[in-house]
Protein backbone atom coordinates (compact mmCIF):
# COMPACT_ATOMS: atom_id res chain seq x y z
CA ASN A 1 49.34 85.86 113.45
CA ASN A 2 49.96 89.01 111.37
CA SER A 3 49.29 92.65 112.26
CA ASN A 4 49.96 95.65 110.00
CA ASN A 5 51.80 98.70 111.35
CA ASN A 6 52.29 102.20 110.02
CA ASN A 7 55.36 101.15 107.96
CA ASN A 8 53.34 98.63 105.91
CA ASN A 9 55.34 95.80 107.47
CA ASP A 10 53.97 92.67 109.03
CA GLU A 11 54.82 91.24 112.43
CA VAL A 12 54.77 87.46 112.64
CA HIS A 13 54.21 86.09 116.15
CA LEU A 14 55.48 82.57 116.81
CA LYS A 15 54.23 80.39 119.64
CA TYR A 16 56.07 77.28 120.77
CA THR A 17 55.39 74.93 123.67
CA CYS A 18 58.75 74.36 125.35
CA ARG A 19 59.96 71.00 126.57
CA GLU A 20 62.43 70.44 129.37
CA SER A 21 65.73 72.33 129.57
CA PRO A 22 68.22 72.22 127.87
CA ASP A 23 66.23 71.21 124.78
CA VAL A 24 67.31 72.89 121.51
CA VAL A 25 64.84 73.05 118.62
CA HIS A 26 65.91 73.82 115.06
CA ALA A 27 63.18 74.78 112.57
CA PHE A 28 62.65 76.50 109.22
CA ILE A 29 59.78 78.87 108.43
CA LEU A 30 59.00 79.45 104.76
CA LEU A 31 57.15 82.54 103.52
CA TYR A 32 55.45 82.55 100.11
CA ASP A 33 54.17 85.27 97.77
CA ASP A 34 50.98 83.42 96.83
CA PRO A 35 48.25 81.44 98.62
CA LEU A 36 49.07 78.30 96.62
CA LEU A 37 52.62 78.23 98.07
CA THR A 38 54.30 78.15 94.66
CA ARG A 39 56.49 81.26 94.92
CA PRO A 40 58.81 81.13 97.96
CA LYS A 41 59.92 84.58 99.11
CA THR A 42 61.87 84.13 102.36
CA VAL A 43 63.21 81.29 104.50
CA TRP A 44 63.84 81.84 108.21
CA GLN A 45 66.04 79.53 110.22
CA ILE A 46 65.11 79.49 113.92
CA PHE A 47 66.86 77.98 116.92
CA ILE A 48 64.93 77.73 120.19
CA HIS A 49 66.97 77.14 123.33
CA VAL A 50 64.84 76.01 126.28
CA LEU A 51 66.17 77.37 129.59
CA ARG A 52 65.04 76.75 133.15
CA GLN A 53 64.16 80.07 134.80
CA VAL A 54 65.29 81.20 138.25
CA ASP A 55 64.64 84.57 139.96
CA VAL A 56 67.04 86.14 142.46
CA ARG A 57 67.08 89.58 144.11
CA ALA A 58 69.73 91.34 146.22
CA ALA A 59 70.68 94.93 147.01
CA VAL A 60 73.88 96.12 145.37
CA GLY A 61 76.87 94.77 147.33
CA GLN A 62 74.79 92.26 149.30
CA ARG A 63 75.45 88.55 148.75
CA VAL A 64 72.51 86.14 148.60
CA GLU A 65 72.16 82.54 147.50
CA ALA A 66 69.47 80.79 145.52
CA SER A 67 69.42 77.06 144.91
CA VAL A 68 68.12 74.75 142.22
CA VAL A 69 67.83 70.97 142.26
CA LEU A 70 69.24 68.97 139.36
CA ARG A 71 68.34 65.36 138.68
CA GLY A 72 71.05 63.17 137.19
CA SER A 73 70.08 61.34 134.00
CA SER A 74 73.36 59.37 133.98
CA ASN A 75 76.60 59.10 135.91
CA ARG A 76 78.82 61.98 134.82
CA ARG A 77 81.13 64.73 135.99
CA VAL A 78 79.90 68.25 135.23
CA THR A 79 81.24 71.78 135.52
CA CYS A 80 79.30 75.05 135.66
CA PHE A 81 79.74 78.32 133.77
CA SER A 82 78.15 81.73 134.38
CA SER A 83 77.78 84.42 131.71
CA VAL A 84 78.47 87.08 134.39
CA PRO A 85 81.02 85.46 136.76
CA SER A 86 81.81 88.81 138.42
CA GLU A 87 78.30 88.87 139.94
CA LEU A 88 76.84 85.36 139.86
CA VAL A 89 78.87 82.26 140.74
CA PRO A 90 77.56 78.65 140.61
CA LEU A 91 78.58 76.59 143.66
CA PRO A 92 80.07 74.08 143.52
CA SER A 93 81.69 74.88 140.20
CA SER A 94 82.26 71.17 139.50
CA PHE A 95 80.51 68.09 140.88
CA ALA A 96 79.25 64.61 140.01
CA LEU A 97 75.73 63.76 138.87
CA ALA A 98 74.44 60.25 139.47
CA THR A 99 71.56 58.53 137.70
CA GLY A 100 68.25 59.37 139.39
CA VAL A 101 69.94 61.26 142.23
CA LEU A 102 69.05 64.87 143.09
CA SER A 103 71.93 67.37 143.47
CA GLU A 104 71.75 70.93 144.75
CA LEU A 105 73.36 73.74 142.78
CA ARG A 106 73.72 77.03 144.67
CA LEU A 107 73.80 80.36 142.86
CA SER A 108 75.80 82.97 144.79
CA PHE A 109 74.73 86.43 143.64
CA ARG A 110 76.36 89.74 144.62
CA PRO A 111 75.50 92.59 142.22
CA LEU A 112 77.91 95.47 141.67
CA LEU A 113 75.49 97.90 139.99
CA ALA A 114 71.79 98.66 140.40
CA ARG A 115 69.98 97.05 137.46
CA THR A 116 67.99 94.08 136.24
CA ARG A 117 69.68 91.63 133.92
CA GLN A 118 69.52 88.06 132.73
CA VAL A 119 72.41 85.71 133.48
CA LYS A 120 72.88 82.33 131.80
CA VAL A 121 74.29 79.37 133.74
CA HIS A 122 75.32 76.25 131.83
CA VAL A 123 76.06 72.85 133.37
CA VAL A 124 78.36 70.97 130.99
CA ASP A 125 79.61 67.39 130.91
CA VAL A 126 83.37 67.47 131.53
CA ASP A 127 84.17 64.57 129.20
CA THR A 128 81.73 64.97 126.30
CA ARG A 129 81.20 68.79 126.54
CA GLU A 130 77.46 68.09 126.28
CA LEU A 131 75.12 70.73 127.69
CA VAL A 132 73.36 68.95 130.56
CA TYR A 133 71.34 71.82 132.09
CA ALA A 134 70.75 75.44 131.11
CA LEU A 135 69.47 78.08 133.53
CA LEU A 136 68.22 81.60 132.85
CA VAL A 137 68.66 83.60 136.06
CA ASN A 138 66.61 86.81 136.22
CA THR A 139 68.45 89.11 138.61
CA ASP A 140 67.14 92.27 140.25
CA ALA A 141 69.53 94.58 142.12
CA PRO A 142 68.07 97.69 143.83
CA PRO A 143 70.54 100.36 145.02
CA PRO A 144 71.97 100.05 148.54
CA ILE A 145 71.56 102.50 151.42
CA VAL A 146 74.59 104.82 151.33
CA THR A 147 75.85 105.80 154.79
CA ARG A 148 78.80 108.06 153.89
CA THR A 149 79.77 110.04 150.78
CA PHE A 150 83.18 111.24 149.59
CA ALA A 151 84.56 113.05 146.54
CA VAL A 152 87.77 112.41 144.57
CA ASP A 153 89.32 114.41 141.73
CA LEU A 154 91.15 112.09 139.33
CA PRO A 155 93.12 113.63 136.43
CA TYR A 156 93.28 111.44 133.32
CA GLY A 157 96.26 109.08 133.40
CA SER A 158 97.02 109.67 137.09
CA VAL A 159 96.82 107.61 140.28
CA VAL A 160 95.17 109.14 143.36
CA GLN A 161 95.12 107.73 146.87
CA LYS A 162 92.54 108.48 149.53
CA LYS A 163 92.28 107.32 153.14
CA ILE A 164 89.05 106.80 155.00
CA SER A 165 88.50 105.61 158.56
CA TYR A 166 86.22 102.80 159.64
CA ALA A 167 85.15 102.07 163.24
CA ASN A 168 83.71 98.91 164.75
CA PRO A 169 80.31 99.92 166.19
CA TYR A 170 79.96 96.70 168.22
CA GLY A 171 81.05 95.75 171.73
CA SER A 172 82.95 92.66 170.52
CA HIS A 173 85.72 91.81 168.08
CA ARG A 174 84.49 91.76 164.49
CA VAL A 175 86.01 90.89 161.13
CA PHE A 176 85.07 93.12 158.20
CA THR A 177 85.54 92.63 154.44
CA LEU A 178 85.63 95.48 151.93
CA ALA A 179 84.86 95.33 148.22
CA THR A 180 84.09 97.87 145.51
CA SER A 181 81.63 98.18 142.64
CA HIS A 182 84.54 99.02 140.27
CA PRO A 183 87.46 96.72 141.16
CA HIS A 184 89.22 97.52 137.86
CA LEU A 185 89.39 101.20 138.84
CA VAL A 186 89.75 101.13 142.64
CA SER A 187 91.89 98.93 144.88
CA ILE A 188 91.41 98.68 148.66
CA ALA A 189 94.09 98.01 151.27
CA PRO A 190 93.50 96.24 153.50
CA ASP A 191 90.35 94.62 152.13
CA ARG A 192 89.86 92.47 155.23
CA PHE A 193 90.66 93.24 158.87
CA GLU A 194 89.62 92.61 162.47
CA LEU A 195 88.74 95.39 164.89
CA PRO A 196 88.42 95.29 168.68
CA PRO A 197 85.27 96.65 170.36
CA SER A 198 84.76 100.29 169.29
CA GLY A 199 88.17 100.15 167.56
CA SER A 200 88.94 101.93 164.28
CA ARG A 201 91.56 101.91 161.59
CA PRO A 202 92.35 103.73 158.30
CA VAL A 203 91.61 102.14 154.94
CA GLY A 204 93.43 103.13 151.76
CA LEU A 205 91.65 103.56 148.42
CA THR A 206 93.76 103.81 145.24
CA PHE A 207 92.06 105.24 142.13
CA ASP A 208 93.81 104.48 138.84
CA GLY A 209 92.92 107.03 136.16
CA ARG A 210 94.97 105.12 133.56
CA LEU A 211 92.29 102.43 133.33
CA SER A 212 88.85 102.31 131.76
CA ARG A 213 86.09 103.89 133.86
CA GLY A 214 83.64 101.07 133.14
CA GLU A 215 79.87 101.11 133.48
CA GLY A 216 77.97 103.98 135.05
CA ALA A 217 80.23 106.86 133.95
CA ALA A 218 78.50 110.06 132.83
CA ARG A 219 80.02 112.91 130.82
CA GLU A 220 79.39 116.54 131.70
CA GLY A 221 81.25 118.91 129.40
CA GLY A 222 84.87 117.79 129.26
CA GLU A 223 84.65 115.90 132.55
CA MET A 224 83.57 112.38 133.47
CA PHE A 225 81.72 111.52 136.68
CA LEU A 226 81.43 108.08 138.23
CA ASP A 227 79.90 106.90 141.50
CA VAL A 228 82.09 104.21 143.06
CA LEU A 229 80.62 102.18 145.92
CA VAL A 230 82.60 100.56 148.75
CA PHE A 231 80.78 97.68 150.45
CA ILE A 232 81.61 96.72 154.04
CA THR A 233 80.30 93.31 155.07
CA ASP A 234 80.64 91.08 158.12
CA GLU A 235 81.96 87.51 158.26
CA ASP A 236 78.59 86.15 157.12
CA GLY A 237 78.43 88.44 154.09
CA ARG A 238 75.80 90.78 155.56
CA MET A 239 76.10 94.42 154.59
CA GLU A 240 77.26 96.67 157.43
CA GLU A 241 77.72 99.93 155.52
CA CYS A 242 78.05 101.30 152.01
CA PHE A 243 80.26 104.30 151.17
CA LYS A 244 79.90 106.23 147.93
CA THR A 245 82.79 108.09 146.30
CA ARG A 246 81.94 110.57 143.57
CA VAL A 247 84.90 110.43 141.16
CA ARG A 248 85.48 113.42 138.88
CA GLN A 249 87.88 112.65 136.05
CA PHE A 250 89.25 115.49 133.95
């Protein structure tokens, strides 16, 4: 199906009925200069990778799980790989598939930045390296609710430390875990602790200006600005609070 545009170019739309994942189709498309197909002009080589699609959604910093069921076509040991292991982890990472038996694969997703993106998950035979299953995970990560905001000035090439205080708002002992949206730039100590009812303790944040700022940095004049999030979750992975630190690097 061709349609002309303003640049006198043609767009060729291809339609293919996909089979089951992880089917790979290899095809050639030949274009000719004449209706009798005697003067070949261009040859296109096309590979079509059929992927099983999964949708998952979580607020930034919140961990959720989705699951897919895989049917074993033969007895084999497989291992799983994610194209974005910092945000999406297949669980278990390695397991056995048996002929005709259904196995559950969990996808643990905790986004670090607000965005939509596609993540590929491959299930590969350990012995033959054959691709057994291929998943295309469509992820959606809306921004979290920020409860407290701080500011940090970070000269280029320097290391800056900041202390914040966190209090247990509950009437019972609770264990809290802290993580950050930019672990390459910010380290947290301690990143896990237990607090008594209504107890509090300081938490240290170390910002390393010698390292790359990573995604989300914006330049204004000769300065760089980056919003770093600190996620505080309970023992079950539920978000308790989210702190935002506005980092100014100069």
